[in-house]
N, C-alpha and C. Protein backbone atom coordinates (compact mmCIF):
# COMPACT_ATOMS: atom_id res chain seq x y z
N LEU A 1 -5.06 16.98 -11.42
CA LEU A 1 -5.05 15.48 -11.52
C LEU A 1 -5.22 15.08 -12.94
N LEU A 2 -4.27 14.87 -13.89
CA LEU A 2 -4.65 14.40 -14.87
C LEU A 2 -4.62 13.28 -15.31
N LEU A 3 -5.54 12.54 -16.10
CA LEU A 3 -5.87 11.52 -16.40
C LEU A 3 -5.53 10.99 -17.62
N LYS A 4 -5.01 9.86 -18.28
CA LYS A 4 -4.96 9.10 -20.00
C LYS A 4 -3.73 10.29 -19.78
N HIS A 5 -2.56 10.57 -19.59
CA HIS A 5 -1.32 11.77 -19.45
C HIS A 5 -0.09 10.87 -19.23
N GLU A 6 0.42 10.19 -20.47
CA GLU A 6 1.42 8.97 -19.84
C GLU A 6 2.66 9.88 -19.67
N VAL A 7 3.43 9.54 -18.54
CA VAL A 7 4.66 10.39 -18.16
C VAL A 7 5.83 9.33 -18.83
N VAL A 8 6.82 10.73 -20.09
CA VAL A 8 7.65 10.09 -20.34
C VAL A 8 8.79 10.66 -20.00
N ALA A 9 9.36 11.55 -19.18
CA ALA A 9 9.69 12.19 -18.76
C ALA A 9 9.67 13.40 -17.30
N ILE A 10 10.63 13.21 -16.36
CA ILE A 10 10.38 13.88 -15.17
C ILE A 10 12.12 15.00 -15.05
N GLU A 11 10.97 16.45 -15.36
CA GLU A 11 12.99 16.82 -15.14
C GLU A 11 12.94 18.23 -14.20
N ARG A 12 13.72 17.76 -13.38
CA ARG A 12 14.03 19.06 -12.31
C ARG A 12 14.27 20.63 -12.33
N GLY A 13 13.13 21.55 -12.12
CA GLY A 13 13.03 22.66 -12.55
C GLY A 13 14.72 23.27 -12.22
N GLN A 14 15.50 22.98 -11.48
CA GLN A 14 16.85 24.11 -11.14
C GLN A 14 17.44 23.15 -12.03
N ASP A 15 17.18 22.34 -13.01
CA ASP A 15 18.71 21.92 -13.84
C ASP A 15 18.02 22.83 -15.16
N LEU A 16 17.11 23.12 -15.81
CA LEU A 16 16.03 23.91 -16.84
C LEU A 16 16.33 25.28 -16.60
N PRO A 17 17.22 25.89 -17.30
CA PRO A 17 17.24 27.71 -16.93
C PRO A 17 16.05 28.36 -17.29
N ASP A 18 15.73 29.12 -16.64
CA ASP A 18 14.69 30.36 -16.08
C ASP A 18 12.93 29.38 -16.07
N GLU A 19 13.54 28.27 -16.01
CA GLU A 19 11.77 27.59 -15.65
C GLU A 19 11.43 27.91 -14.63
N PHE A 20 12.23 27.72 -13.32
CA PHE A 20 11.28 28.12 -12.19
C PHE A 20 12.51 29.04 -11.36
N GLU A 21 12.53 29.92 -9.89
CA GLU A 21 13.29 30.94 -9.77
C GLU A 21 13.90 29.72 -8.98
N HIS A 22 12.85 28.95 -7.75
CA HIS A 22 13.15 28.39 -6.85
C HIS A 22 12.81 26.28 -7.02
N GLY A 23 13.39 26.24 -8.09
CA GLY A 23 13.35 24.63 -8.36
C GLY A 23 11.81 24.03 -8.80
N GLY A 24 11.70 23.13 -8.36
CA GLY A 24 10.08 22.46 -9.24
C GLY A 24 10.46 21.47 -10.21
N TYR A 25 9.09 20.71 -11.17
CA TYR A 25 10.13 19.63 -11.88
C TYR A 25 8.59 20.41 -13.14
N VAL A 26 9.41 19.52 -14.65
CA VAL A 26 8.92 19.89 -15.51
C VAL A 26 8.13 18.28 -15.47
N VAL A 27 7.04 17.76 -15.91
CA VAL A 27 6.91 17.10 -16.07
C VAL A 27 6.05 16.67 -17.57
N ARG A 28 7.12 15.81 -17.96
CA ARG A 28 6.77 15.80 -19.48
C ARG A 28 5.40 14.67 -19.89
N THR A 29 4.52 14.82 -20.77
CA THR A 29 3.71 13.72 -20.94
C THR A 29 3.92 13.98 -22.62
N GLU A 30 2.97 12.62 -23.12
CA GLU A 30 2.99 12.71 -24.68
C GLU A 30 1.75 13.65 -25.20
N ARG A 31 1.13 14.48 -24.19
CA ARG A 31 0.04 15.42 -24.77
C ARG A 31 0.75 16.70 -24.55
N ASP A 32 1.31 16.91 -23.10
CA ASP A 32 1.86 18.70 -22.78
C ASP A 32 3.16 18.54 -21.57
N ASN A 33 3.61 19.87 -21.35
CA ASN A 33 4.83 19.87 -20.18
C ASN A 33 3.84 20.46 -18.90
N ILE A 34 3.84 19.61 -17.95
CA ILE A 34 2.81 20.37 -16.74
C ILE A 34 4.49 21.23 -16.07
N HIS A 35 4.66 22.14 -15.14
CA HIS A 35 5.27 22.35 -14.37
C HIS A 35 4.49 22.49 -12.75
N CYS A 36 5.56 21.88 -12.21
CA CYS A 36 4.90 22.21 -11.07
C CYS A 36 5.74 22.31 -9.46
N LYS A 37 5.12 22.23 -8.36
CA LYS A 37 6.24 22.52 -6.75
C LYS A 37 6.84 21.10 -7.08
N ILE A 38 5.69 20.17 -7.19
CA ILE A 38 5.92 18.55 -6.64
C ILE A 38 5.09 17.48 -7.47
N VAL A 39 5.90 16.67 -7.52
CA VAL A 39 5.13 15.26 -8.07
C VAL A 39 4.62 14.05 -6.92
N ILE A 40 3.61 14.18 -7.19
CA ILE A 40 3.18 12.71 -6.22
C ILE A 40 2.76 11.70 -7.34
N ASN A 41 3.58 10.61 -6.67
CA ASN A 41 3.29 9.29 -8.21
C ASN A 41 2.56 8.59 -7.09
N CYS A 42 1.52 8.76 -9.04
CA CYS A 42 0.41 7.44 -8.57
C CYS A 42 0.39 6.36 -9.73
N ALA A 43 1.27 6.01 -10.09
CA ALA A 43 1.55 5.37 -11.10
C ALA A 43 1.06 3.94 -10.99
N GLY A 44 0.56 3.75 -10.45
CA GLY A 44 0.73 2.31 -9.66
C GLY A 44 1.62 1.50 -10.43
N LEU A 45 1.65 -0.35 -11.03
CA LEU A 45 1.85 -1.07 -11.27
C LEU A 45 3.41 -0.50 -11.89
N TYR A 46 2.91 1.28 -12.75
CA TYR A 46 4.21 1.91 -13.22
C TYR A 46 5.36 2.59 -12.29
N SER A 47 4.96 2.23 -10.77
CA SER A 47 5.00 3.35 -9.91
C SER A 47 7.12 3.56 -9.89
N ASP A 48 7.19 2.35 -10.12
CA ASP A 48 8.78 2.25 -10.08
C ASP A 48 9.36 3.38 -11.44
N LYS A 49 8.75 2.87 -12.84
CA LYS A 49 8.76 3.23 -13.71
C LYS A 49 9.29 4.89 -13.63
N VAL A 50 8.54 5.91 -13.52
CA VAL A 50 7.93 6.91 -13.02
C VAL A 50 9.20 7.49 -11.96
N ALA A 51 9.31 6.83 -10.64
CA ALA A 51 10.06 7.10 -9.57
C ALA A 51 11.93 6.76 -10.23
N ALA A 52 11.98 5.96 -11.39
CA ALA A 52 13.30 6.13 -11.71
C ALA A 52 13.77 7.21 -12.70
N MET A 53 12.23 8.29 -12.96
CA MET A 53 12.77 9.40 -13.49
C MET A 53 13.25 10.78 -13.15
N VAL A 54 13.23 10.18 -11.91
CA VAL A 54 13.89 11.24 -11.03
C VAL A 54 15.10 11.43 -9.94
N GLY A 55 15.61 9.88 -10.53
CA GLY A 55 16.73 9.14 -10.32
C GLY A 55 16.35 8.47 -8.79
N ALA A 56 14.86 7.39 -8.10
CA ALA A 56 14.76 6.70 -7.25
C ALA A 56 14.14 5.29 -7.96
N ASN A 57 15.74 4.47 -8.82
CA ASN A 57 15.13 3.14 -8.98
C ASN A 57 16.21 2.49 -8.29
N ASN A 58 15.52 2.30 -7.02
CA ASN A 58 15.92 1.37 -6.18
C ASN A 58 14.93 0.60 -5.20
N PHE A 59 13.73 0.18 -6.01
CA PHE A 59 12.86 -0.25 -6.54
C PHE A 59 12.34 -0.95 -7.61
N THR A 60 11.46 -2.13 -7.71
CA THR A 60 11.03 -2.88 -8.77
C THR A 60 9.73 -3.33 -8.46
N ILE A 61 8.78 -3.10 -9.06
CA ILE A 61 7.05 -3.58 -8.35
C ILE A 61 7.10 -4.31 -9.86
N VAL A 62 7.12 -5.67 -8.77
CA VAL A 62 6.51 -6.87 -9.19
C VAL A 62 4.99 -6.98 -9.45
N PRO A 63 3.80 -7.32 -9.96
CA PRO A 63 2.83 -7.27 -10.08
C PRO A 63 2.04 -8.71 -9.17
N TRP A 64 1.20 -8.90 -7.95
CA TRP A 64 0.78 -10.68 -8.01
C TRP A 64 -0.52 -10.20 -8.20
N LYS A 65 -1.48 -11.40 -8.06
CA LYS A 65 -2.41 -11.35 -8.17
C LYS A 65 -3.46 -11.91 -7.04
N GLY A 66 -4.62 -11.94 -6.31
CA GLY A 66 -4.92 -12.69 -5.43
C GLY A 66 -6.27 -12.62 -4.89
N GLU A 67 -7.15 -13.66 -4.99
CA GLU A 67 -8.42 -13.89 -4.72
C GLU A 67 -9.10 -14.18 -3.57
N TYR A 68 -10.00 -13.51 -2.81
CA TYR A 68 -10.87 -13.46 -1.71
C TYR A 68 -11.77 -14.40 -1.97
N LEU A 69 -12.18 -15.52 -1.12
CA LEU A 69 -13.72 -16.37 -0.75
C LEU A 69 -13.84 -15.54 0.41
N LEU A 70 -15.57 -14.89 0.03
CA LEU A 70 -16.62 -14.70 0.98
C LEU A 70 -17.38 -15.77 0.87
N LEU A 71 -16.83 -16.33 2.32
CA LEU A 71 -18.62 -17.95 2.42
C LEU A 71 -19.42 -16.99 3.26
N ASN A 72 -21.05 -17.69 3.11
CA ASN A 72 -22.07 -17.19 3.68
C ASN A 72 -22.13 -16.97 5.37
N LYS A 73 -23.00 -16.46 6.24
CA LYS A 73 -22.85 -16.03 7.24
C LYS A 73 -23.39 -16.99 7.95
N SER A 74 -23.41 -18.56 7.42
CA SER A 74 -23.89 -19.73 8.30
C SER A 74 -22.51 -20.68 8.54
N GLN A 75 -21.85 -20.09 7.97
CA GLN A 75 -20.43 -20.39 8.12
C GLN A 75 -19.13 -19.63 9.10
N GLY A 76 -20.26 -18.41 9.38
CA GLY A 76 -19.05 -17.33 10.19
C GLY A 76 -18.84 -18.01 11.11
N SER A 77 -19.31 -19.32 12.15
CA SER A 77 -19.34 -19.57 13.65
C SER A 77 -17.64 -20.39 13.51
N LEU A 78 -17.13 -21.00 12.02
CA LEU A 78 -16.10 -21.71 11.72
C LEU A 78 -14.78 -21.71 12.82
N VAL A 79 -14.88 -20.25 13.02
CA VAL A 79 -13.43 -19.79 13.20
C VAL A 79 -14.02 -18.51 14.02
N THR A 80 -13.74 -18.34 15.41
CA THR A 80 -13.79 -16.81 16.29
C THR A 80 -12.66 -15.75 16.68
N ARG A 81 -11.33 -15.90 15.67
CA ARG A 81 -10.38 -15.57 15.12
C ARG A 81 -9.00 -15.86 14.31
N VAL A 82 -8.56 -14.44 13.94
CA VAL A 82 -8.54 -14.71 12.26
C VAL A 82 -7.28 -15.97 12.50
N ILE A 83 -7.32 -16.90 11.75
CA ILE A 83 -6.21 -18.09 11.49
C ILE A 83 -5.01 -17.85 10.06
N PHE A 84 -3.60 -17.69 10.86
CA PHE A 84 -2.76 -17.20 9.90
C PHE A 84 -1.78 -18.33 9.77
N GLN A 85 -1.33 -19.21 8.06
CA GLN A 85 -0.68 -19.53 7.89
C GLN A 85 0.43 -19.69 8.58
N CYS A 86 1.35 -20.89 8.54
CA CYS A 86 2.96 -19.80 8.58
C CYS A 86 3.71 -19.24 7.27
N PRO A 87 4.31 -18.33 7.36
CA PRO A 87 4.44 -17.16 5.71
C PRO A 87 5.06 -18.36 4.81
N HIS A 88 5.70 -18.13 3.98
CA HIS A 88 5.77 -18.89 2.58
C HIS A 88 7.21 -17.85 2.32
N PRO A 89 8.10 -17.83 1.87
CA PRO A 89 9.27 -17.19 1.30
C PRO A 89 9.26 -16.64 0.06
N ILE A 90 8.21 -16.98 -0.78
CA ILE A 90 7.80 -16.53 -1.97
C ILE A 90 6.41 -15.81 -2.32
N ARG A 91 5.49 -16.68 -1.55
CA ARG A 91 4.04 -16.47 -1.75
C ARG A 91 3.69 -15.66 -0.03
N GLY A 92 4.65 -15.45 0.47
CA GLY A 92 4.41 -14.34 1.38
C GLY A 92 3.23 -15.01 2.52
N LYS A 93 2.02 -13.99 3.29
CA LYS A 93 1.79 -14.66 4.99
C LYS A 93 0.70 -15.76 4.23
N GLY A 94 0.53 -16.28 3.29
CA GLY A 94 -0.52 -17.54 2.64
C GLY A 94 -1.57 -16.54 2.90
N VAL A 95 -2.80 -18.21 2.44
CA VAL A 95 -3.97 -18.03 3.32
C VAL A 95 -4.29 -17.49 4.67
N LEU A 96 -5.13 -16.83 4.78
CA LEU A 96 -5.93 -17.12 6.23
C LEU A 96 -7.42 -17.00 6.69
N VAL A 97 -8.24 -17.64 7.12
CA VAL A 97 -9.10 -18.14 7.26
C VAL A 97 -9.31 -16.53 8.21
N SER A 98 -10.44 -16.10 8.65
CA SER A 98 -10.96 -14.99 9.53
C SER A 98 -12.64 -14.31 9.43
N PRO A 99 -13.28 -14.03 10.65
CA PRO A 99 -14.69 -14.34 10.74
C PRO A 99 -14.76 -12.51 10.04
N THR A 100 -15.53 -12.00 9.66
CA THR A 100 -15.47 -10.48 9.37
C THR A 100 -17.05 -10.41 10.27
N PHE A 101 -16.45 -8.45 10.19
CA PHE A 101 -17.61 -7.80 11.45
C PHE A 101 -18.76 -8.47 11.04
N HIS A 102 -19.51 -8.75 9.85
CA HIS A 102 -20.61 -9.18 9.35
C HIS A 102 -21.08 -10.08 9.78
N GLY A 103 -20.32 -11.33 9.95
CA GLY A 103 -20.55 -12.71 10.80
C GLY A 103 -20.48 -13.30 9.20
N ASN A 104 -19.61 -13.19 8.22
CA ASN A 104 -19.36 -14.15 7.37
C ASN A 104 -17.99 -14.75 7.55
N LEU A 105 -17.42 -15.75 6.85
CA LEU A 105 -15.76 -15.71 7.28
C LEU A 105 -15.48 -15.73 5.65
N LEU A 106 -14.53 -15.58 5.67
CA LEU A 106 -13.15 -14.87 4.33
C LEU A 106 -11.99 -15.83 4.50
N ILE A 107 -11.63 -16.18 3.03
CA ILE A 107 -11.01 -16.94 2.92
C ILE A 107 -10.31 -16.31 1.65
N GLY A 108 -8.55 -16.48 2.18
CA GLY A 108 -7.65 -15.53 1.09
C GLY A 108 -6.32 -14.99 1.58
N PRO A 109 -6.03 -14.57 0.54
CA PRO A 109 -5.79 -14.35 -0.39
C PRO A 109 -5.03 -15.53 -1.35
N THR A 110 -5.29 -15.83 -2.80
CA THR A 110 -4.47 -16.85 -3.45
C THR A 110 -3.16 -15.78 -3.52
N SER A 111 -2.49 -15.99 -4.02
CA SER A 111 -0.64 -15.49 -4.76
C SER A 111 -0.43 -16.21 -5.73
N ARG A 112 -0.44 -15.26 -6.88
CA ARG A 112 -0.08 -15.78 -8.24
C ARG A 112 0.60 -14.51 -9.08
N GLY A 113 1.63 -14.95 -9.14
CA GLY A 113 3.07 -13.66 -9.27
C GLY A 113 2.73 -13.83 -11.63
N PRO A 114 3.78 -13.04 -11.62
CA PRO A 114 3.61 -12.48 -12.95
C PRO A 114 3.99 -13.94 -14.06
N GLY A 115 3.24 -13.93 -14.78
CA GLY A 115 3.51 -15.00 -15.99
C GLY A 115 2.63 -16.61 -15.38
N GLY A 116 1.95 -16.65 -13.95
CA GLY A 116 1.11 -17.65 -13.48
C GLY A 116 0.65 -17.95 -14.07
N LYS A 117 -0.46 -19.40 -14.27
CA LYS A 117 -1.07 -20.00 -15.09
C LYS A 117 -2.82 -19.14 -15.10
N PHE A 118 -2.95 -18.98 -16.01
CA PHE A 118 -4.82 -19.15 -16.08
C PHE A 118 -5.10 -20.07 -15.28
N MET A 119 -6.31 -19.28 -14.04
CA MET A 119 -7.50 -19.78 -13.73
C MET A 119 -8.56 -19.92 -13.81
N THR A 120 -9.50 -21.08 -13.65
CA THR A 120 -10.76 -20.52 -14.05
C THR A 120 -11.63 -20.31 -12.71
N ASN A 121 -12.44 -19.46 -12.22
CA ASN A 121 -13.16 -19.48 -10.81
C ASN A 121 -13.14 -20.52 -10.40
N LYS A 122 -13.56 -21.68 -10.70
CA LYS A 122 -13.93 -22.78 -10.16
C LYS A 122 -11.94 -23.29 -9.76
N GLN A 123 -11.11 -23.61 -10.17
CA GLN A 123 -10.10 -23.24 -9.76
C GLN A 123 -9.72 -22.78 -8.95
N ILE A 124 -9.63 -21.72 -8.51
CA ILE A 124 -9.34 -20.73 -8.04
C ILE A 124 -10.30 -21.01 -6.26
N LEU A 125 -11.49 -21.37 -6.78
CA LEU A 125 -11.99 -21.88 -5.27
C LEU A 125 -11.49 -22.62 -4.95
N SER A 126 -11.52 -24.09 -5.97
CA SER A 126 -10.72 -25.35 -5.18
C SER A 126 -9.11 -24.89 -4.36
N GLN A 127 -8.44 -24.46 -5.47
CA GLN A 127 -7.32 -24.10 -4.30
C GLN A 127 -7.53 -23.39 -2.87
N LEU A 128 -8.50 -22.21 -2.54
CA LEU A 128 -8.85 -21.31 -1.68
C LEU A 128 -8.85 -22.25 -0.23
N ILE A 129 -9.84 -23.31 -0.93
CA ILE A 129 -10.70 -24.39 0.01
C ILE A 129 -9.48 -25.07 0.57
N ARG A 130 -8.61 -25.92 -0.25
CA ARG A 130 -7.74 -26.79 -0.32
C ARG A 130 -6.93 -25.58 0.94
N THR A 131 -6.07 -25.11 0.64
CA THR A 131 -5.22 -24.34 1.36
C THR A 131 -6.10 -23.64 2.48
N ALA A 132 -6.68 -23.54 2.70
CA ALA A 132 -7.97 -22.89 3.80
C ALA A 132 -8.17 -23.97 5.30
N ARG A 133 -7.98 -25.35 4.68
CA ARG A 133 -8.27 -26.73 4.76
C ARG A 133 -7.00 -26.90 5.88
N LYS A 134 -6.09 -26.60 5.44
CA LYS A 134 -4.45 -26.97 6.31
C LYS A 134 -4.45 -26.35 7.08
N SER A 135 -5.53 -25.00 7.28
CA SER A 135 -5.21 -24.11 8.81
C SER A 135 -5.79 -24.41 9.99
N GLY A 136 -6.82 -25.69 9.80
CA GLY A 136 -7.20 -26.54 10.44
C GLY A 136 -6.48 -27.20 11.60
């Protein structure tokens, strides 16, 4: 595991003369060249970019942000099962309301895509509560 080594290219060892007898990869970073038998892509939001370096460019990562609200145990008995809203074609499964193992009530998540507006914690809490009330 190498941290802070931005991958700039990945080449198959079989395409490189005398690098490997039986294939493998050369991972090129801004610091080093790393010779390996396999590559595990752990690039998170950049994993689509790293995958494309070996020809797997059939997906795109689109970051979404979501927050949850964990209510006090005094609210935990308001529901006894997970309540799902009808899925939304863009925002996905919507806000769900769920009792937790420890007796709290969990509400969320919010759903904001790239370019979504900035929201304060108070606005996020208000949105979660307003949306969760539609589940009742």
